Amino acid sequence: MTVEQCVHAAQVIQPKVLIPYHFSQTDISGLPMQLPGIDVRLRALQ
């Protein structure tokens, strides 16, 4: 799923919390700004 697809899916589903994972080398740092009203929780992979 691309970042754009993730944003679209979240806009349709409207979750209270979104925790993206399986994003490999994709830059998801801008995701919270694209989803106002949704608590996007970014975690550092170890």
PDB file of N, CA and C in Angstrom:
ATOM      1  N   MET A   1       0.847  -1.168   0.000  1.00  0.00           N
ATOM      2  CA  MET A   1       0.000   0.000   0.000  1.00  0.00           C
ATOM      3  C   MET A   1       0.898   1.238   0.000  1.00  0.00           C
ATOM      4  N   THR A   2       0.653   2.137  -0.907  1.00  0.00           N
ATOM      5  CA  THR A   2       1.428   3.371  -0.941  1.00  0.00           C
ATOM      6  C   THR A   2       0.914   4.331   0.139  1.00  0.00           C
ATOM      7  N   VAL A   3       1.652   5.405   0.366  1.00  0.00           N
ATOM      8  CA  VAL A   3       1.212   6.412   1.333  1.00  0.00           C
ATOM      9  C   VAL A   3      -0.126   6.996   0.885  1.00  0.00           C
ATOM     10  N   GLU A   4      -0.268   7.256  -0.399  1.00  0.00           N
ATOM     11  CA  GLU A   4      -1.517   7.810  -0.921  1.00  0.00           C
ATOM     12  C   GLU A   4      -2.685   6.847  -0.697  1.00  0.00           C
ATOM     13  N   GLN A   5      -2.454   5.567  -0.907  1.00  0.00           N
ATOM     14  CA  GLN A   5      -3.490   4.561  -0.674  1.00  0.00           C
ATOM     15  C   GLN A   5      -3.843   4.484   0.811  1.00  0.00           C
ATOM     16  N   CYS A   6      -2.846   4.593   1.665  1.00  0.00           N
ATOM     17  CA  CYS A   6      -3.066   4.573   3.106  1.00  0.00           C
ATOM     18  C   CYS A   6      -3.924   5.766   3.532  1.00  0.00           C
ATOM     19  N   VAL A   7      -3.599   6.942   3.011  1.00  0.00           N
ATOM     20  CA  VAL A   7      -4.365   8.148   3.332  1.00  0.00           C
ATOM     21  C   VAL A   7      -5.816   7.974   2.882  1.00  0.00           C
ATOM     22  N   HIS A   8      -6.006   7.490   1.668  1.00  0.00           N
ATOM     23  CA  HIS A   8      -7.365   7.283   1.154  1.00  0.00           C
ATOM     24  C   HIS A   8      -8.138   6.281   2.021  1.00  0.00           C
ATOM     25  N   ALA A   9      -7.509   5.166   2.353  1.00  0.00           N
ATOM     26  CA  ALA A   9      -8.174   4.153   3.176  1.00  0.00           C
ATOM     27  C   ALA A   9      -8.545   4.720   4.546  1.00  0.00           C
ATOM     28  N   ALA A  10      -7.632   5.475   5.150  1.00  0.00           N
ATOM     29  CA  ALA A  10      -7.915   6.060   6.467  1.00  0.00           C
ATOM     30  C   ALA A  10      -9.043   7.083   6.382  1.00  0.00           C
ATOM     31  N   GLN A  11      -9.106   7.844   5.297  1.00  0.00           N
ATOM     32  CA  GLN A  11     -10.185   8.813   5.130  1.00  0.00           C
ATOM     33  C   GLN A  11     -11.532   8.115   4.978  1.00  0.00           C
ATOM     34  N   VAL A  12     -11.545   6.959   4.342  1.00  0.00           N
ATOM     35  CA  VAL A  12     -12.784   6.207   4.167  1.00  0.00           C
ATOM     36  C   VAL A  12     -13.198   5.539   5.473  1.00  0.00           C
ATOM     37  N   ILE A  13     -12.239   4.897   6.157  1.00  0.00           N
ATOM     38  CA  ILE A  13     -12.542   4.125   7.358  1.00  0.00           C
ATOM     39  C   ILE A  13     -12.713   5.011   8.591  1.00  0.00           C
ATOM     40  N   GLN A  14     -11.966   6.131   8.654  1.00  0.00           N
ATOM     41  CA  GLN A  14     -11.996   7.068   9.782  1.00  0.00           C
ATOM     42  C   GLN A  14     -11.693   6.396  11.133  1.00  0.00           C
ATOM     43  N   PRO A  15     -10.519   5.756  11.260  1.00  0.00           N
ATOM     44  CA  PRO A  15     -10.172   5.164  12.555  1.00  0.00           C
ATOM     45  C   PRO A  15      -9.839   6.262  13.561  1.00  0.00           C
ATOM     46  N   LYS A  16      -9.968   5.951  14.839  1.00  0.00           N
ATOM     47  CA  LYS A  16      -9.558   6.908  15.878  1.00  0.00           C
ATOM     48  C   LYS A  16      -8.038   6.940  15.975  1.00  0.00           C
ATOM     49  N   VAL A  17      -7.400   5.776  15.795  1.00  0.00           N
ATOM     50  CA  VAL A  17      -5.946   5.638  15.892  1.00  0.00           C
ATOM     51  C   VAL A  17      -5.464   4.862  14.667  1.00  0.00           C
ATOM     52  N   LEU A  18      -4.377   5.339  14.082  1.00  0.00           N
ATOM     53  CA  LEU A  18      -3.751   4.659  12.945  1.00  0.00           C
ATOM     54  C   LEU A  18      -2.291   4.407  13.284  1.00  0.00           C
ATOM     55  N   ILE A  19      -1.884   3.144  13.272  1.00  0.00           N
ATOM     56  CA  ILE A  19      -0.495   2.777  13.545  1.00  0.00           C
ATOM     57  C   ILE A  19       0.032   2.052  12.304  1.00  0.00           C
ATOM     58  N   PRO A  20       0.727   2.788  11.429  1.00  0.00           N
ATOM     59  CA  PRO A  20       1.249   2.151  10.210  1.00  0.00           C
ATOM     60  C   PRO A  20       2.418   1.218  10.519  1.00  0.00           C
ATOM     61  N   TYR A  21       2.479   0.121   9.805  1.00  0.00           N
ATOM     62  CA  TYR A  21       3.608  -0.798   9.909  1.00  0.00           C
ATOM     63  C   TYR A  21       3.788  -1.473   8.564  1.00  0.00           C
ATOM     64  N   HIS A  22       4.863  -2.200   8.387  1.00  0.00           N
ATOM     65  CA  HIS A  22       5.232  -2.812   7.107  1.00  0.00           C
ATOM     66  C   HIS A  22       5.479  -1.734   6.054  1.00  0.00           C
ATOM     67  N   PHE A  23       6.171  -0.651   6.432  1.00  0.00           N
ATOM     68  CA  PHE A  23       6.403   0.429   5.482  1.00  0.00           C
ATOM     69  C   PHE A  23       7.823   0.453   4.951  1.00  0.00           C
ATOM     70  N   SER A  24       8.682  -0.446   5.410  1.00  0.00           N
ATOM     71  CA  SER A  24      10.046  -0.611   4.896  1.00  0.00           C
ATOM     72  C   SER A  24      10.782   0.716   4.827  1.00  0.00           C
ATOM     73  N   GLN A  25      11.233   1.117   3.653  1.00  0.00           N
ATOM     74  CA  GLN A  25      12.007   2.346   3.484  1.00  0.00           C
ATOM     75  C   GLN A  25      11.135   3.543   3.069  1.00  0.00           C
ATOM     76  N   THR A  26       9.831   3.383   3.069  1.00  0.00           N
ATOM     77  CA  THR A  26       8.922   4.450   2.672  1.00  0.00           C
ATOM     78  C   THR A  26       8.895   5.541   3.732  1.00  0.00           C
ATOM     79  N   ASP A  27       8.990   6.787   3.304  1.00  0.00           N
ATOM     80  CA  ASP A  27       8.936   7.915   4.228  1.00  0.00           C
ATOM     81  C   ASP A  27       7.474   8.198   4.589  1.00  0.00           C
ATOM     82  N   ILE A  28       7.111   7.915   5.824  1.00  0.00           N
ATOM     83  CA  ILE A  28       5.742   8.140   6.286  1.00  0.00           C
ATOM     84  C   ILE A  28       5.662   9.306   7.268  1.00  0.00           C
ATOM     85  N   SER A  29       6.717  10.094   7.361  1.00  0.00           N
ATOM     86  CA  SER A  29       6.758  11.177   8.348  1.00  0.00           C
ATOM     87  C   SER A  29       5.679  12.233   8.108  1.00  0.00           C
ATOM     88  N   GLY A  30       5.222  12.403   6.874  1.00  0.00           N
ATOM     89  CA  GLY A  30       4.189  13.391   6.580  1.00  0.00           C
ATOM     90  C   GLY A  30       2.778  12.873   6.752  1.00  0.00           C
ATOM     91  N   LEU A  31       2.635  11.614   7.101  1.00  0.00           N
ATOM     92  CA  LEU A  31       1.318  10.997   7.229  1.00  0.00           C
ATOM     93  C   LEU A  31       0.408  11.708   8.234  1.00  0.00           C
ATOM     94  N   PRO A  32       0.885  12.070   9.423  1.00  0.00           N
ATOM     95  CA  PRO A  32      -0.015  12.741  10.382  1.00  0.00           C
ATOM     96  C   PRO A  32      -0.600  14.053   9.842  1.00  0.00           C
ATOM     97  N   MET A  33       0.164  14.806   9.066  1.00  0.00           N
ATOM     98  CA  MET A  33      -0.335  16.074   8.516  1.00  0.00           C
ATOM     99  C   MET A  33      -1.423  15.842   7.471  1.00  0.00           C
ATOM    100  N   GLN A  34      -1.399  14.693   6.834  1.00  0.00           N
ATOM    101  CA  GLN A  34      -2.384  14.380   5.796  1.00  0.00           C
ATOM    102  C   GLN A  34      -3.680  13.823   6.364  1.00  0.00           C
ATOM    103  N   LEU A  35      -3.672  13.507   7.667  1.00  0.00           N
ATOM    104  CA  LEU A  35      -4.850  12.894   8.284  1.00  0.00           C
ATOM    105  C   LEU A  35      -5.268  13.645   9.558  1.00  0.00           C
ATOM    106  N   PRO A  36      -5.701  14.893   9.410  1.00  0.00           N
ATOM    107  CA  PRO A  36      -6.139  15.623  10.599  1.00  0.00           C
ATOM    108  C   PRO A  36      -7.352  14.935  11.240  1.00  0.00           C
ATOM    109  N   GLY A  37      -7.373  14.921  12.542  1.00  0.00           N
ATOM    110  CA  GLY A  37      -8.481  14.288  13.260  1.00  0.00           C
ATOM    111  C   GLY A  37      -8.262  12.815  13.548  1.00  0.00           C
ATOM    112  N   ILE A  38      -7.206  12.235  12.990  1.00  0.00           N
ATOM    113  CA  ILE A  38      -6.870  10.829  13.245  1.00  0.00           C
ATOM    114  C   ILE A  38      -5.554  10.804  14.000  1.00  0.00           C
ATOM    115  N   ASP A  39      -5.516  10.074  15.097  1.00  0.00           N
ATOM    116  CA  ASP A  39      -4.302   9.949  15.907  1.00  0.00           C
ATOM    117  C   ASP A  39      -3.356   8.968  15.212  1.00  0.00           C
ATOM    118  N   VAL A  40      -2.389   9.510  14.453  1.00  0.00           N
ATOM    119  CA  VAL A  40      -1.413   8.687  13.733  1.00  0.00           C
ATOM    120  C   VAL A  40      -0.206   8.496  14.640  1.00  0.00           C
ATOM    121  N   ARG A  41       0.078   7.269  14.993  1.00  0.00           N
ATOM    122  CA  ARG A  41       1.183   6.941  15.894  1.00  0.00           C
ATOM    123  C   ARG A  41       2.310   6.277  15.113  1.00  0.00           C
ATOM    124  N   LEU A  42       3.380   7.029  14.917  1.00  0.00           N
ATOM    125  CA  LEU A  42       4.546   6.518  14.206  1.00  0.00           C
ATOM    126  C   LEU A  42       5.510   5.914  15.206  1.00  0.00           C
ATOM    127  N   ARG A  43       5.991   4.738  14.932  1.00  0.00           N
ATOM    128  CA  ARG A  43       6.921   4.038  15.806  1.00  0.00           C
ATOM    129  C   ARG A  43       8.226   3.802  15.064  1.00  0.00           C
ATOM    130  N   ALA A  44       9.323   3.924  15.782  1.00  0.00           N
ATOM    131  CA  ALA A  44      10.638   3.620  15.214  1.00  0.00           C
ATOM    132  C   ALA A  44      10.814   2.101  15.180  1.00  0.00           C
ATOM    133  N   LEU A  45      11.212   1.583  14.042  1.00  0.00           N
ATOM    134  CA  LEU A  45      11.458   0.141  13.939  1.00  0.00           C
ATOM    135  C   LEU A  45      12.825  -0.178  14.498  1.00  0.00           C
ATOM    136  N   GLN A  46      12.931  -1.291  15.176  1.00  0.00           N
ATOM    137  CA  GLN A  46      14.202  -1.707  15.747  1.00  0.00           C
ATOM    138  C   GLN A  46      14.668  -2.989  15.121  1.00  0.00           C
TER     139      GLN A  46
END
